[in-house]
């Protein structure tokens, strides 16, 4: 039964790591005023009938601190990429010169920074909810094992280990949010 508890604990830790990984990905998408190729991550363009990530149909580079350049490998993809960026509603209007698309990051106002941090905080809260749901599922699994013959002490130890993991990953979410806030407010 002890190996089953270890397995539950390991699965819980893996699931929580995935939740943190998702948070990190989402936080990179929230721009902090600096140009980053991550701003177009998740934007799909219609490439001969198939939704394809922009990064697979164009070269994405950062020209300077406030400019991202998107140069399609095929000239006829300029218009669909531009349309996809507009539909993604990332808050930036693409500007095309017939060869490449440029995204100019406007300087962030204090109000916009707070709005973006509120969005980041929302992502953090969703991650905390996911972590708590993972904890709940793991504890339910331990309680089922207890009904099937696991000792009460072992079950309590397992639940304690799950709670410690939850606390650790919740603190990690807070750490990521604090770093993002510092990044956003320092621009």
C-alpha atoms as a PDB file:
ATOM      1  CA  UNK A   1       0.000   0.000   0.000  1.00  0.00           C
ATOM      2  CA  UNK A   2       2.936   2.351   0.657  1.00  0.00           C
ATOM      3  CA  UNK A   3       4.014   2.191  -2.984  1.00  0.00           C
ATOM      4  CA  UNK A   4       0.468   3.174  -3.987  1.00  0.00           C
ATOM      5  CA  UNK A   5       0.736   6.259  -1.758  1.00  0.00           C
ATOM      6  CA  UNK A   6       4.102   7.085  -3.333  1.00  0.00           C
ATOM      7  CA  UNK A   7       2.536   6.712  -6.764  1.00  0.00           C
ATOM      8  CA  UNK A   8      -0.336   9.046  -5.838  1.00  0.00           C
ATOM      9  CA  UNK A   9       2.131  11.595  -4.448  1.00  0.00           C
ATOM     10  CA  UNK A  10       4.292  11.410  -7.590  1.00  0.00           C
ATOM     11  CA  UNK A  11       1.251  11.768  -9.867  1.00  0.00           C
ATOM     12  CA  UNK A  12       0.079  14.736  -7.810  1.00  0.00           C
ATOM     13  CA  UNK A  13       3.481  16.418  -8.066  1.00  0.00           C
ATOM     14  CA  UNK A  14       3.572  15.814 -11.842  1.00  0.00           C
ATOM     15  CA  UNK A  15       0.085  17.249 -12.309  1.00  0.00           C
ATOM     16  CA  UNK A  16       0.943  20.303 -10.224  1.00  0.00           C
ATOM     17  CA  UNK A  17       4.164  20.814 -12.222  1.00  0.00           C
ATOM     18  CA  UNK A  18       2.076  20.779 -15.410  1.00  0.00           C
ATOM     19  CA  UNK A  19      -0.233  23.417 -13.909  1.00  0.00           C
ATOM     20  CA  UNK A  20       2.801  25.603 -13.114  1.00  0.00           C
ATOM     21  CA  UNK A  21       4.144  25.027 -16.636  1.00  0.00           C
ATOM     22  CA  UNK A  22       0.830  26.182 -18.059  1.00  0.00           C
ATOM     23  CA  UNK A  23       0.931  29.286 -15.850  1.00  0.00           C
ATOM     24  CA  UNK A  24       4.453  30.103 -17.061  1.00  0.00           C
ATOM     25  CA  UNK A  25       3.303  29.788 -20.663  1.00  0.00           C
ATOM     26  CA  UNK A  26       0.279  32.013 -20.087  1.00  0.00           C
ATOM     27  CA  UNK A  27       2.366  34.633 -18.264  1.00  0.00           C
ATOM     28  CA  UNK A  28       4.776  34.861 -21.211  1.00  0.00           C
ATOM     29  CA  UNK A  29       1.818  35.688 -23.435  1.00  0.00           C
ATOM     30  CA  UNK A  30       0.890  38.651 -21.255  1.00  0.00           C
ATOM     31  CA  UNK A  31       3.183  41.326 -22.561  1.00  0.00           C
ATOM     32  CA  UNK A  32       5.127  43.463 -20.162  1.00  0.00           C
ATOM     33  CA  UNK A  33       5.837  46.214 -22.665  1.00  0.00           C
ATOM     34  CA  UNK A  34       8.804  44.378 -24.134  1.00  0.00           C
ATOM     35  CA  UNK A  35       8.748  42.793 -27.565  1.00  0.00           C
ATOM     36  CA  UNK A  36       8.727  39.001 -27.471  1.00  0.00           C
ATOM     37  CA  UNK A  37       8.002  36.294 -30.057  1.00  0.00           C
ATOM     38  CA  UNK A  38       5.732  34.732 -27.420  1.00  0.00           C
ATOM     39  CA  UNK A  39       3.130  37.411 -28.165  1.00  0.00           C
ATOM     40  CA  UNK A  40       2.064  35.542 -31.322  1.00  0.00           C
ATOM     41  CA  UNK A  41       2.273  32.097 -29.732  1.00  0.00           C
ATOM     42  CA  UNK A  42      -1.104  30.449 -29.882  1.00  0.00           C
ATOM     43  CA  UNK A  43      -2.191  32.453 -32.938  1.00  0.00           C
ATOM     44  CA  UNK A  44      -3.149  30.149 -35.788  1.00  0.00           C
ATOM     45  CA  UNK A  45      -3.350  31.131 -39.433  1.00  0.00           C
ATOM     46  CA  UNK A  46      -5.278  29.376 -42.198  1.00  0.00           C
ATOM     47  CA  UNK A  47      -2.505  27.665 -44.192  1.00  0.00           C
ATOM     48  CA  UNK A  48      -4.059  25.958 -47.206  1.00  0.00           C
ATOM     49  CA  UNK A  49      -7.125  25.007 -45.195  1.00  0.00           C
ATOM     50  CA  UNK A  50      -5.312  23.851 -42.044  1.00  0.00           C
ATOM     51  CA  UNK A  51      -5.031  26.003 -38.902  1.00  0.00           C
ATOM     52  CA  UNK A  52      -1.263  26.369 -38.432  1.00  0.00           C
ATOM     53  CA  UNK A  53       0.709  28.307 -35.780  1.00  0.00           C
ATOM     54  CA  UNK A  54       2.197  31.545 -37.131  1.00  0.00           C
ATOM     55  CA  UNK A  55       5.650  30.344 -36.071  1.00  0.00           C
ATOM     56  CA  UNK A  56       5.372  27.480 -38.595  1.00  0.00           C
ATOM     57  CA  UNK A  57       4.625  29.705 -41.598  1.00  0.00           C
ATOM     58  CA  UNK A  58       6.860  32.695 -40.841  1.00  0.00           C
ATOM     59  CA  UNK A  59      10.120  33.767 -39.274  1.00  0.00           C
ATOM     60  CA  UNK A  60       9.460  35.699 -36.055  1.00  0.00           C
ATOM     61  CA  UNK A  61      12.227  37.965 -34.766  1.00  0.00           C
ATOM     62  CA  UNK A  62      12.586  40.777 -32.258  1.00  0.00           C
ATOM     63  CA  UNK A  63      14.030  43.831 -34.007  1.00  0.00           C
ATOM     64  CA  UNK A  64      14.366  45.995 -30.908  1.00  0.00           C
ATOM     65  CA  UNK A  65      12.854  46.330 -27.431  1.00  0.00           C
ATOM     66  CA  UNK A  66       9.477  47.352 -28.846  1.00  0.00           C
ATOM     67  CA  UNK A  67       9.235  45.726 -32.285  1.00  0.00           C
ATOM     68  CA  UNK A  68       8.465  42.166 -33.405  1.00  0.00           C
ATOM     69  CA  UNK A  69       8.962  41.286 -37.061  1.00  0.00           C
ATOM     70  CA  UNK A  70       7.030  38.492 -38.777  1.00  0.00           C
ATOM     71  CA  UNK A  71       8.349  37.533 -42.193  1.00  0.00           C
ATOM     72  CA  UNK A  72       6.279  34.852 -43.954  1.00  0.00           C
ATOM     73  CA  UNK A  73       8.109  32.209 -45.945  1.00  0.00           C
ATOM     74  CA  UNK A  74       5.492  32.595 -48.674  1.00  0.00           C
ATOM     75  CA  UNK A  75       4.496  36.084 -49.770  1.00  0.00           C
ATOM     76  CA  UNK A  76       0.834  35.110 -50.162  1.00  0.00           C
ATOM     77  CA  UNK A  77       0.680  34.397 -46.393  1.00  0.00           C
ATOM     78  CA  UNK A  78       1.071  38.097 -45.435  1.00  0.00           C
ATOM     79  CA  UNK A  79      -2.635  38.863 -45.541  1.00  0.00           C
ATOM     80  CA  UNK A  80      -3.829  35.699 -43.687  1.00  0.00           C
ATOM     81  CA  UNK A  81      -1.220  36.250 -40.936  1.00  0.00           C
ATOM     82  CA  UNK A  82      -2.269  39.879 -40.579  1.00  0.00           C
ATOM     83  CA  UNK A  83      -5.934  38.824 -40.391  1.00  0.00           C
ATOM     84  CA  UNK A  84      -5.142  36.135 -37.775  1.00  0.00           C
ATOM     85  CA  UNK A  85      -3.298  38.662 -35.594  1.00  0.00           C
ATOM     86  CA  UNK A  86      -6.237  41.078 -35.796  1.00  0.00           C
ATOM     87  CA  UNK A  87      -8.701  38.304 -34.881  1.00  0.00           C
ATOM     88  CA  UNK A  88      -6.525  37.178 -31.954  1.00  0.00           C
ATOM     89  CA  UNK A  89      -7.157  40.575 -30.362  1.00  0.00           C
ATOM     90  CA  UNK A  90      -3.725  40.910 -28.736  1.00  0.00           C
ATOM     91  CA  UNK A  91      -4.088  44.680 -28.505  1.00  0.00           C
ATOM     92  CA  UNK A  92      -1.573  45.453 -31.261  1.00  0.00           C
ATOM     93  CA  UNK A  93      -2.364  46.444 -34.835  1.00  0.00           C
ATOM     94  CA  UNK A  94      -0.080  44.686 -37.339  1.00  0.00           C
ATOM     95  CA  UNK A  95       1.614  46.899 -39.914  1.00  0.00           C
ATOM     96  CA  UNK A  96       2.602  45.357 -43.234  1.00  0.00           C
ATOM     97  CA  UNK A  97       5.040  46.738 -45.807  1.00  0.00           C
ATOM     98  CA  UNK A  98       4.387  44.043 -48.407  1.00  0.00           C
ATOM     99  CA  UNK A  99       7.350  41.927 -47.303  1.00  0.00           C
ATOM    100  CA  UNK A 100       6.961  41.574 -43.537  1.00  0.00           C
ATOM    101  CA  UNK A 101       4.577  42.413 -40.736  1.00  0.00           C
ATOM    102  CA  UNK A 102       5.756  44.514 -37.832  1.00  0.00           C
ATOM    103  CA  UNK A 103       4.146  44.642 -34.424  1.00  0.00           C
ATOM    104  CA  UNK A 104       5.023  47.817 -32.526  1.00  0.00           C
ATOM    105  CA  UNK A 105       4.561  47.549 -28.778  1.00  0.00           C
ATOM    106  CA  UNK A 106       3.093  50.780 -27.464  1.00  0.00           C
ATOM    107  CA  UNK A 107       4.565  52.053 -24.209  1.00  0.00           C
ATOM    108  CA  UNK A 108       2.427  50.904 -21.319  1.00  0.00           C
ATOM    109  CA  UNK A 109       0.521  53.398 -19.242  1.00  0.00           C
ATOM    110  CA  UNK A 110       0.170  52.829 -15.522  1.00  0.00           C
ATOM    111  CA  UNK A 111      -3.500  51.944 -16.026  1.00  0.00           C
ATOM    112  CA  UNK A 112      -2.674  49.395 -18.747  1.00  0.00           C
ATOM    113  CA  UNK A 113       0.024  47.825 -16.547  1.00  0.00           C
ATOM    114  CA  UNK A 114      -2.489  47.355 -13.752  1.00  0.00           C
ATOM    115  CA  UNK A 115      -4.979  45.883 -16.215  1.00  0.00           C
ATOM    116  CA  UNK A 116      -2.355  43.431 -17.506  1.00  0.00           C
ATOM    117  CA  UNK A 117      -1.340  42.496 -13.977  1.00  0.00           C
ATOM    118  CA  UNK A 118      -4.994  41.867 -13.158  1.00  0.00           C
ATOM    119  CA  UNK A 119      -5.058  39.468 -16.116  1.00  0.00           C
ATOM    120  CA  UNK A 120      -1.868  37.798 -14.836  1.00  0.00           C
ATOM    121  CA  UNK A 121      -3.413  37.514 -11.369  1.00  0.00           C
ATOM    122  CA  UNK A 122      -6.464  35.848 -12.937  1.00  0.00           C
ATOM    123  CA  UNK A 123      -4.190  33.272 -14.571  1.00  0.00           C
ATOM    124  CA  UNK A 124      -2.504  32.735 -11.200  1.00  0.00           C
ATOM    125  CA  UNK A 125      -5.859  32.224  -9.517  1.00  0.00           C
ATOM    126  CA  UNK A 126      -6.895  29.685 -12.163  1.00  0.00           C
ATOM    127  CA  UNK A 127      -3.656  27.812 -11.532  1.00  0.00           C
ATOM    128  CA  UNK A 128      -4.290  27.809  -7.773  1.00  0.00           C
ATOM    129  CA  UNK A 129      -7.777  26.414  -8.398  1.00  0.00           C
ATOM    130  CA  UNK A 130      -6.265  23.697 -10.609  1.00  0.00           C
ATOM    131  CA  UNK A 131      -3.741  22.848  -7.876  1.00  0.00           C
ATOM    132  CA  UNK A 132      -6.509  22.635  -5.259  1.00  0.00           C
ATOM    133  CA  UNK A 133      -8.541  20.382  -7.571  1.00  0.00           C
ATOM    134  CA  UNK A 134      -5.535  18.108  -8.004  1.00  0.00           C
ATOM    135  CA  UNK A 135      -5.162  18.017  -4.199  1.00  0.00           C
ATOM    136  CA  UNK A 136      -8.851  17.157  -3.771  1.00  0.00           C
ATOM    137  CA  UNK A 137      -8.661  14.310  -6.300  1.00  0.00           C
ATOM    138  CA  UNK A 138      -5.505  12.907  -4.685  1.00  0.00           C
ATOM    139  CA  UNK A 139      -6.991  12.993  -1.197  1.00  0.00           C
ATOM    140  CA  UNK A 140     -10.148  11.269  -2.469  1.00  0.00           C
ATOM    141  CA  UNK A 141      -7.914   8.587  -3.970  1.00  0.00           C
ATOM    142  CA  UNK A 142      -6.154   8.131  -0.616  1.00  0.00           C
ATOM    143  CA  UNK A 143      -9.530   7.843   1.162  1.00  0.00           C
ATOM    144  CA  UNK A 144     -10.563   5.106  -1.286  1.00  0.00           C
ATOM    145  CA  UNK A 145      -7.332   3.273  -0.477  1.00  0.00           C
ATOM    146  CA  UNK A 146      -8.135   3.659   3.230  1.00  0.00           C
ATOM    147  CA  UNK A 147     -11.527   2.008   2.654  1.00  0.00           C
ATOM    148  CA  UNK A 148      -9.685  -0.802   0.858  1.00  0.00           C
ATOM    149  CA  UNK A 149      -7.472  -1.494   3.865  1.00  0.00           C
ATOM    150  CA  UNK A 150      -4.857   1.268   4.116  1.00  0.00           C
ATOM    151  CA  UNK A 151      -4.130   2.146   7.743  1.00  0.00           C
ATOM    152  CA  UNK A 152      -5.420   5.438   9.088  1.00  0.00           C
ATOM    153  CA  UNK A 153      -1.903   6.619   9.995  1.00  0.00           C
ATOM    154  CA  UNK A 154      -0.612   5.929   6.481  1.00  0.00           C
ATOM    155  CA  UNK A 155      -3.622   7.743   5.012  1.00  0.00           C
ATOM    156  CA  UNK A 156      -3.000  10.770   7.271  1.00  0.00           C
ATOM    157  CA  UNK A 157       0.696  10.791   6.246  1.00  0.00           C
ATOM    158  CA  UNK A 158      -0.324  10.641   2.582  1.00  0.00           C
ATOM    159  CA  UNK A 159      -2.786  13.500   2.997  1.00  0.00           C
ATOM    160  CA  UNK A 160      -0.124  15.523   4.797  1.00  0.00           C
ATOM    161  CA  UNK A 161       2.337  14.930   1.927  1.00  0.00           C
ATOM    162  CA  UNK A 162      -0.306  16.030  -0.586  1.00  0.00           C
ATOM    163  CA  UNK A 163      -1.004  19.187   1.444  1.00  0.00           C
ATOM    164  CA  UNK A 164       2.722  19.976   1.601  1.00  0.00           C
ATOM    165  CA  UNK A 165       2.915  19.660  -2.196  1.00  0.00           C
ATOM    166  CA  UNK A 166      -0.114  21.930  -2.517  1.00  0.00           C
ATOM    167  CA  UNK A 167       1.481  24.558  -0.279  1.00  0.00           C
ATOM    168  CA  UNK A 168       4.761  24.339  -2.194  1.00  0.00           C
ATOM    169  CA  UNK A 169       3.134  24.791  -5.604  1.00  0.00           C
ATOM    170  CA  UNK A 170       0.794  27.540  -4.394  1.00  0.00           C
ATOM    171  CA  UNK A 171       3.858  29.426  -3.134  1.00  0.00           C
ATOM    172  CA  UNK A 172       5.451  28.898  -6.556  1.00  0.00           C
ATOM    173  CA  UNK A 173       2.403  30.500  -8.211  1.00  0.00           C
ATOM    174  CA  UNK A 174       2.799  33.512  -5.895  1.00  0.00           C
ATOM    175  CA  UNK A 175       6.504  33.700  -6.757  1.00  0.00           C
ATOM    176  CA  UNK A 176       5.743  33.728 -10.498  1.00  0.00           C
ATOM    177  CA  UNK A 177       3.096  36.426 -10.052  1.00  0.00           C
ATOM    178  CA  UNK A 178       5.441  38.579  -7.961  1.00  0.00           C
ATOM    179  CA  UNK A 179       8.140  38.283 -10.650  1.00  0.00           C
ATOM    180  CA  UNK A 180       5.643  39.188 -13.375  1.00  0.00           C
ATOM    181  CA  UNK A 181       4.393  42.191 -11.398  1.00  0.00           C
ATOM    182  CA  UNK A 182       7.962  43.384 -10.838  1.00  0.00           C
ATOM    183  CA  UNK A 183       8.657  42.949 -14.563  1.00  0.00           C
ATOM    184  CA  UNK A 184       5.515  44.848 -15.560  1.00  0.00           C
ATOM    185  CA  UNK A 185       5.867  47.711 -13.119  1.00  0.00           C
ATOM    186  CA  UNK A 186       9.583  48.288 -13.792  1.00  0.00           C
ATOM    187  CA  UNK A 187       9.138  49.247 -17.448  1.00  0.00           C
END
